[in-house]
Amino acid sequence: MKRFIALALCAALSAQAELVEIAASADGQATYDIETTSFSVSETLNGTPIYRAYGQVTIRSKVDIQQWYVYVGACAMNYRKLYTNDSSGNPLFSNDVIRGGKSIASTIADTLCTVTASSKGTAL
């Protein structure tokens, strides 16, 4: 399923901006959408390359815009961190994740690694 979402997002990158749901909580109370045109390769303040995208978290009726990123070098590893900032780039929290894991954070990190690398022609 994750591979299908990643392939669909790759196709949508060249289309107009839209939100695509990539994860939802087990109880259906929360959804996690990613902005299809926001995928980018950037750097942290200390110059470390990252894959970044903006997402929308909706919990019940509350909407929160977030910026998610992973280190480019970590995408080739089974263990990595997903970093979450607010929409202005201020750090909120990070999650330890495993490639292919069943958590929402793993799904977001896997999507960032797969889609951004694919759209930029970078090997994982």
N, C-alpha and C. Protein backbone atom coordinates (compact mmCIF):
# COMPACT_ATOMS: atom_id res chain seq x y z
N MET A 1 0.82 -1.19 0.00
CA MET A 1 0.00 0.00 0.00
C MET A 1 0.87 1.26 0.00
N LYS A 2 1.93 1.26 0.83
CA LYS A 2 2.81 2.43 0.89
C LYS A 2 3.46 2.69 -0.47
N ARG A 3 3.84 1.63 -1.17
CA ARG A 3 4.47 1.78 -2.48
C ARG A 3 3.49 2.40 -3.46
N PHE A 4 2.22 1.99 -3.40
CA PHE A 4 1.19 2.56 -4.26
C PHE A 4 1.02 4.05 -3.99
N ILE A 5 0.97 4.44 -2.72
CA ILE A 5 0.84 5.85 -2.36
C ILE A 5 2.03 6.63 -2.90
N ALA A 6 3.23 6.09 -2.74
CA ALA A 6 4.43 6.78 -3.22
C ALA A 6 4.39 6.95 -4.73
N LEU A 7 3.97 5.92 -5.46
CA LEU A 7 3.89 6.03 -6.92
C LEU A 7 2.83 7.05 -7.35
N ALA A 8 1.71 7.06 -6.65
CA ALA A 8 0.66 8.02 -6.97
C ALA A 8 1.15 9.44 -6.70
N LEU A 9 1.90 9.62 -5.63
CA LEU A 9 2.42 10.95 -5.31
C LEU A 9 3.45 11.39 -6.34
N CYS A 10 4.28 10.47 -6.81
CA CYS A 10 5.26 10.82 -7.86
C CYS A 10 4.53 11.35 -9.09
N ALA A 11 3.44 10.71 -9.47
CA ALA A 11 2.68 11.15 -10.63
C ALA A 11 2.04 12.51 -10.38
N ALA A 12 1.64 12.76 -9.15
CA ALA A 12 0.96 14.02 -8.83
C ALA A 12 1.91 15.20 -8.71
N LEU A 13 3.20 14.93 -8.56
CA LEU A 13 4.15 16.03 -8.38
C LEU A 13 4.14 17.02 -9.53
N SER A 14 3.91 16.53 -10.73
CA SER A 14 3.91 17.43 -11.88
C SER A 14 2.55 18.08 -12.09
N ALA A 15 1.55 17.63 -11.39
CA ALA A 15 0.22 18.21 -11.51
C ALA A 15 0.09 19.42 -10.59
N GLN A 16 -1.10 19.97 -10.50
CA GLN A 16 -1.30 21.11 -9.63
C GLN A 16 -1.28 20.68 -8.17
N ALA A 17 -1.10 21.65 -7.29
CA ALA A 17 -0.99 21.38 -5.86
C ALA A 17 -2.28 20.76 -5.34
N GLU A 18 -2.12 19.75 -4.53
CA GLU A 18 -3.26 19.16 -3.85
C GLU A 18 -2.78 18.41 -2.61
N LEU A 19 -3.70 18.18 -1.70
CA LEU A 19 -3.40 17.39 -0.51
C LEU A 19 -3.79 15.95 -0.79
N VAL A 20 -2.89 15.02 -0.43
CA VAL A 20 -3.15 13.60 -0.59
C VAL A 20 -3.01 12.94 0.77
N GLU A 21 -4.02 12.20 1.18
CA GLU A 21 -3.97 11.51 2.47
C GLU A 21 -2.96 10.37 2.38
N ILE A 22 -2.01 10.35 3.32
CA ILE A 22 -1.02 9.27 3.33
C ILE A 22 -1.15 8.38 4.56
N ALA A 23 -1.90 8.84 5.59
CA ALA A 23 -2.07 8.03 6.79
C ALA A 23 -3.29 8.51 7.56
N ALA A 24 -3.80 7.62 8.40
CA ALA A 24 -4.92 7.95 9.28
C ALA A 24 -4.77 7.14 10.55
N SER A 25 -5.27 7.68 11.64
CA SER A 25 -5.22 6.95 12.90
C SER A 25 -6.16 5.76 12.83
N ALA A 26 -5.91 4.76 13.67
CA ALA A 26 -6.71 3.54 13.66
C ALA A 26 -8.18 3.82 13.94
N ASP A 27 -8.45 4.82 14.77
CA ASP A 27 -9.83 5.14 15.12
C ASP A 27 -10.49 6.10 14.14
N GLY A 28 -9.73 6.56 13.13
CA GLY A 28 -10.28 7.45 12.13
C GLY A 28 -10.43 8.90 12.58
N GLN A 29 -9.97 9.21 13.78
CA GLN A 29 -10.10 10.57 14.31
C GLN A 29 -9.09 11.55 13.72
N ALA A 30 -7.97 11.03 13.20
CA ALA A 30 -6.91 11.89 12.68
C ALA A 30 -6.51 11.45 11.27
N THR A 31 -6.27 12.43 10.40
CA THR A 31 -5.76 12.13 9.07
C THR A 31 -4.51 12.96 8.82
N TYR A 32 -3.63 12.42 7.99
CA TYR A 32 -2.35 13.05 7.66
C TYR A 32 -2.27 13.17 6.15
N ASP A 33 -2.28 14.42 5.66
CA ASP A 33 -2.24 14.70 4.24
C ASP A 33 -0.94 15.39 3.90
N ILE A 34 -0.43 15.15 2.70
CA ILE A 34 0.81 15.78 2.28
C ILE A 34 0.53 16.63 1.04
N GLU A 35 1.15 17.79 0.99
CA GLU A 35 1.00 18.72 -0.14
C GLU A 35 1.88 18.22 -1.28
N THR A 36 1.28 17.87 -2.39
CA THR A 36 2.01 17.20 -3.46
C THR A 36 3.11 18.05 -4.10
N THR A 37 2.98 19.34 -4.11
CA THR A 37 4.01 20.18 -4.74
C THR A 37 5.03 20.73 -3.75
N SER A 38 4.96 20.30 -2.49
CA SER A 38 5.88 20.85 -1.49
C SER A 38 7.14 20.03 -1.28
N PHE A 39 7.27 18.88 -1.94
CA PHE A 39 8.47 18.05 -1.78
C PHE A 39 9.70 18.81 -2.26
N SER A 40 10.75 18.81 -1.44
CA SER A 40 11.97 19.52 -1.85
C SER A 40 13.19 18.92 -1.19
N VAL A 41 14.34 19.22 -1.78
CA VAL A 41 15.62 18.89 -1.17
C VAL A 41 16.15 20.21 -0.63
N SER A 42 16.55 20.21 0.63
CA SER A 42 17.00 21.44 1.28
C SER A 42 18.16 21.10 2.20
N GLU A 43 18.49 22.02 3.08
CA GLU A 43 19.55 21.80 4.08
C GLU A 43 19.10 22.33 5.42
N THR A 44 19.62 21.70 6.47
CA THR A 44 19.41 22.25 7.81
C THR A 44 20.33 23.46 7.97
N LEU A 45 20.21 24.16 9.08
CA LEU A 45 21.05 25.33 9.32
C LEU A 45 22.54 24.99 9.32
N ASN A 46 22.88 23.74 9.69
CA ASN A 46 24.30 23.35 9.70
C ASN A 46 24.74 22.71 8.39
N GLY A 47 23.88 22.74 7.35
CA GLY A 47 24.27 22.28 6.02
C GLY A 47 23.99 20.83 5.70
N THR A 48 23.29 20.10 6.56
CA THR A 48 22.97 18.70 6.31
C THR A 48 21.80 18.60 5.33
N PRO A 49 21.95 17.85 4.22
CA PRO A 49 20.88 17.72 3.23
C PRO A 49 19.65 17.00 3.81
N ILE A 50 18.47 17.51 3.48
CA ILE A 50 17.22 16.92 3.95
C ILE A 50 16.21 16.83 2.81
N TYR A 51 15.27 15.88 2.96
CA TYR A 51 14.08 15.83 2.12
C TYR A 51 12.96 16.43 2.98
N ARG A 52 12.20 17.37 2.40
CA ARG A 52 11.21 18.11 3.18
C ARG A 52 9.91 18.23 2.41
N ALA A 53 8.80 18.27 3.16
CA ALA A 53 7.50 18.53 2.57
C ALA A 53 6.58 19.09 3.65
N TYR A 54 5.53 19.74 3.20
CA TYR A 54 4.52 20.26 4.12
C TYR A 54 3.34 19.32 4.16
N GLY A 55 2.74 19.22 5.33
CA GLY A 55 1.60 18.36 5.51
C GLY A 55 0.54 19.01 6.36
N GLN A 56 -0.62 18.40 6.32
CA GLN A 56 -1.75 18.88 7.11
C GLN A 56 -2.21 17.73 8.00
N VAL A 57 -2.29 18.00 9.29
CA VAL A 57 -2.80 17.02 10.26
C VAL A 57 -4.17 17.51 10.70
N THR A 58 -5.17 16.66 10.53
CA THR A 58 -6.52 17.02 10.96
C THR A 58 -6.94 16.04 12.04
N ILE A 59 -7.16 16.57 13.23
CA ILE A 59 -7.64 15.76 14.35
C ILE A 59 -9.01 16.29 14.72
N ARG A 60 -10.00 15.43 14.50
CA ARG A 60 -11.41 15.82 14.57
C ARG A 60 -11.60 17.00 13.62
N SER A 61 -11.86 18.18 14.08
CA SER A 61 -12.04 19.31 13.17
C SER A 61 -10.90 20.32 13.25
N LYS A 62 -9.87 20.03 14.06
CA LYS A 62 -8.73 20.93 14.20
C LYS A 62 -7.68 20.61 13.14
N VAL A 63 -7.28 21.63 12.38
CA VAL A 63 -6.30 21.46 11.30
C VAL A 63 -4.99 22.12 11.72
N ASP A 64 -3.89 21.39 11.53
CA ASP A 64 -2.56 21.88 11.88
C ASP A 64 -1.65 21.67 10.67
N ILE A 65 -0.98 22.74 10.22
CA ILE A 65 -0.04 22.65 9.11
C ILE A 65 1.35 22.40 9.69
N GLN A 66 2.04 21.40 9.18
CA GLN A 66 3.36 21.05 9.68
C GLN A 66 4.35 20.90 8.53
N GLN A 67 5.62 20.99 8.87
CA GLN A 67 6.71 20.74 7.94
C GLN A 67 7.41 19.48 8.43
N TRP A 68 7.55 18.50 7.56
CA TRP A 68 8.20 17.24 7.93
C TRP A 68 9.50 17.11 7.15
N TYR A 69 10.54 16.55 7.81
CA TYR A 69 11.77 16.29 7.06
C TYR A 69 12.54 15.12 7.63
N VAL A 70 13.36 14.52 6.75
CA VAL A 70 14.28 13.44 7.11
C VAL A 70 15.63 13.78 6.50
N TYR A 71 16.70 13.29 7.11
CA TYR A 71 18.02 13.47 6.54
C TYR A 71 18.14 12.59 5.30
N VAL A 72 18.68 13.15 4.22
CA VAL A 72 18.84 12.42 2.97
C VAL A 72 19.63 11.13 3.21
N GLY A 73 20.75 11.21 3.93
CA GLY A 73 21.59 10.05 4.19
C GLY A 73 20.89 8.96 4.98
N ALA A 74 19.90 9.32 5.78
CA ALA A 74 19.18 8.33 6.60
C ALA A 74 18.19 7.51 5.78
N CYS A 75 17.83 8.01 4.61
CA CYS A 75 16.84 7.29 3.79
C CYS A 75 17.35 5.91 3.35
N ALA A 76 18.64 5.74 3.26
CA ALA A 76 19.21 4.45 2.86
C ALA A 76 19.30 3.47 4.03
N MET A 77 19.04 3.95 5.24
CA MET A 77 19.15 3.11 6.43
C MET A 77 17.77 2.62 6.86
N ASN A 78 17.74 1.52 7.62
CA ASN A 78 16.47 1.01 8.13
C ASN A 78 15.93 1.86 9.27
N TYR A 79 16.82 2.50 10.02
CA TYR A 79 16.42 3.31 11.16
C TYR A 79 16.66 4.77 10.84
N ARG A 80 15.71 5.62 11.12
CA ARG A 80 15.87 7.06 10.85
C ARG A 80 14.99 7.86 11.78
N LYS A 81 15.09 9.18 11.68
CA LYS A 81 14.24 10.08 12.46
C LYS A 81 13.40 10.90 11.51
N LEU A 82 12.16 11.14 11.90
CA LEU A 82 11.29 12.09 11.22
C LEU A 82 11.22 13.31 12.12
N TYR A 83 11.55 14.46 11.55
CA TYR A 83 11.51 15.72 12.30
C TYR A 83 10.26 16.49 11.89
N THR A 84 9.60 17.08 12.88
CA THR A 84 8.38 17.84 12.62
C THR A 84 8.56 19.26 13.14
N ASN A 85 8.31 20.21 12.25
CA ASN A 85 8.35 21.63 12.59
C ASN A 85 6.96 22.21 12.37
N ASP A 86 6.71 23.39 12.98
CA ASP A 86 5.47 24.08 12.65
C ASP A 86 5.61 24.69 11.26
N SER A 87 4.58 25.34 10.77
CA SER A 87 4.61 25.86 9.41
C SER A 87 5.65 26.96 9.21
N SER A 88 6.14 27.56 10.29
CA SER A 88 7.18 28.60 10.20
C SER A 88 8.58 28.03 10.29
N GLY A 89 8.69 26.71 10.53
CA GLY A 89 10.00 26.07 10.63
C GLY A 89 10.52 25.92 12.03
N ASN A 90 9.72 26.25 13.04
CA ASN A 90 10.14 26.09 14.44
C ASN A 90 9.98 24.62 14.85
N PRO A 91 11.01 24.02 15.45
CA PRO A 91 10.94 22.60 15.82
C PRO A 91 9.81 22.30 16.80
N LEU A 92 9.10 21.20 16.53
CA LEU A 92 8.07 20.72 17.44
C LEU A 92 8.51 19.44 18.15
N PHE A 93 8.89 18.41 17.35
CA PHE A 93 9.30 17.13 17.93
C PHE A 93 9.94 16.27 16.85
N SER A 94 10.50 15.13 17.25
CA SER A 94 11.03 14.16 16.30
C SER A 94 10.56 12.77 16.72
N ASN A 95 10.51 11.86 15.76
CA ASN A 95 10.11 10.48 16.01
C ASN A 95 11.19 9.55 15.48
N ASP A 96 11.53 8.52 16.24
CA ASP A 96 12.39 7.45 15.76
C ASP A 96 11.50 6.50 14.97
N VAL A 97 11.91 6.18 13.75
CA VAL A 97 11.09 5.31 12.91
C VAL A 97 11.95 4.25 12.24
N ILE A 98 11.29 3.19 11.80
CA ILE A 98 11.94 2.11 11.07
C ILE A 98 11.32 2.06 9.68
N ARG A 99 12.17 1.89 8.66
CA ARG A 99 11.67 1.80 7.29
C ARG A 99 10.63 0.70 7.20
N GLY A 100 9.49 1.01 6.60
CA GLY A 100 8.43 0.02 6.43
C GLY A 100 7.63 -0.23 7.69
N GLY A 101 7.86 0.56 8.73
CA GLY A 101 7.13 0.38 9.99
C GLY A 101 5.65 0.69 9.84
N LYS A 102 4.88 0.33 10.83
CA LYS A 102 3.44 0.48 10.75
C LYS A 102 2.94 1.76 11.43
N SER A 103 3.84 2.61 11.89
CA SER A 103 3.40 3.86 12.53
C SER A 103 3.14 4.95 11.50
N ILE A 104 2.39 5.95 11.91
CA ILE A 104 2.13 7.09 11.03
C ILE A 104 3.43 7.80 10.70
N ALA A 105 4.31 7.96 11.70
CA ALA A 105 5.59 8.63 11.47
C ALA A 105 6.44 7.86 10.45
N SER A 106 6.43 6.53 10.52
CA SER A 106 7.16 5.72 9.52
C SER A 106 6.61 5.94 8.13
N THR A 107 5.30 6.00 8.00
CA THR A 107 4.67 6.23 6.70
C THR A 107 5.08 7.58 6.13
N ILE A 108 5.08 8.61 6.97
CA ILE A 108 5.48 9.95 6.51
C ILE A 108 6.94 9.94 6.07
N ALA A 109 7.82 9.35 6.90
CA ALA A 109 9.25 9.30 6.57
C ALA A 109 9.50 8.50 5.29
N ASP A 110 8.85 7.36 5.15
CA ASP A 110 9.01 6.54 3.95
C ASP A 110 8.53 7.29 2.71
N THR A 111 7.43 8.02 2.84
CA THR A 111 6.91 8.80 1.72
C THR A 111 7.90 9.89 1.33
N LEU A 112 8.45 10.60 2.31
CA LEU A 112 9.44 11.64 2.01
C LEU A 112 10.63 11.06 1.27
N CYS A 113 11.16 9.95 1.77
CA CYS A 113 12.34 9.34 1.16
C CYS A 113 12.04 8.85 -0.26
N THR A 114 10.95 8.14 -0.44
CA THR A 114 10.63 7.54 -1.73
C THR A 114 10.24 8.59 -2.78
N VAL A 115 9.32 9.45 -2.43
CA VAL A 115 8.81 10.41 -3.41
C VAL A 115 9.84 11.46 -3.76
N THR A 116 10.48 12.04 -2.77
CA THR A 116 11.45 13.10 -3.05
C THR A 116 12.64 12.57 -3.82
N ALA A 117 13.16 11.41 -3.41
CA ALA A 117 14.29 10.82 -4.13
C ALA A 117 13.90 10.48 -5.56
N SER A 118 12.71 9.93 -5.76
CA SER A 118 12.25 9.57 -7.10
C SER A 118 12.07 10.80 -7.98
N SER A 119 11.49 11.84 -7.42
CA SER A 119 11.24 13.04 -8.23
C SER A 119 12.51 13.82 -8.54
N LYS A 120 13.54 13.65 -7.70
CA LYS A 120 14.81 14.36 -7.91
C LYS A 120 15.84 13.49 -8.62
N GLY A 121 15.46 12.22 -8.91
CA GLY A 121 16.38 11.32 -9.61
C GLY A 121 17.53 10.85 -8.72
N THR A 122 17.29 10.79 -7.42
CA THR A 122 18.31 10.40 -6.47
C THR A 122 18.09 8.96 -6.05
N ALA A 123 19.13 8.17 -5.96
CA ALA A 123 19.01 6.79 -5.49
C ALA A 123 18.84 6.79 -3.99
N LEU A 124 18.01 5.88 -3.49
CA LEU A 124 17.80 5.77 -2.03
C LEU A 124 18.92 4.99 -1.38
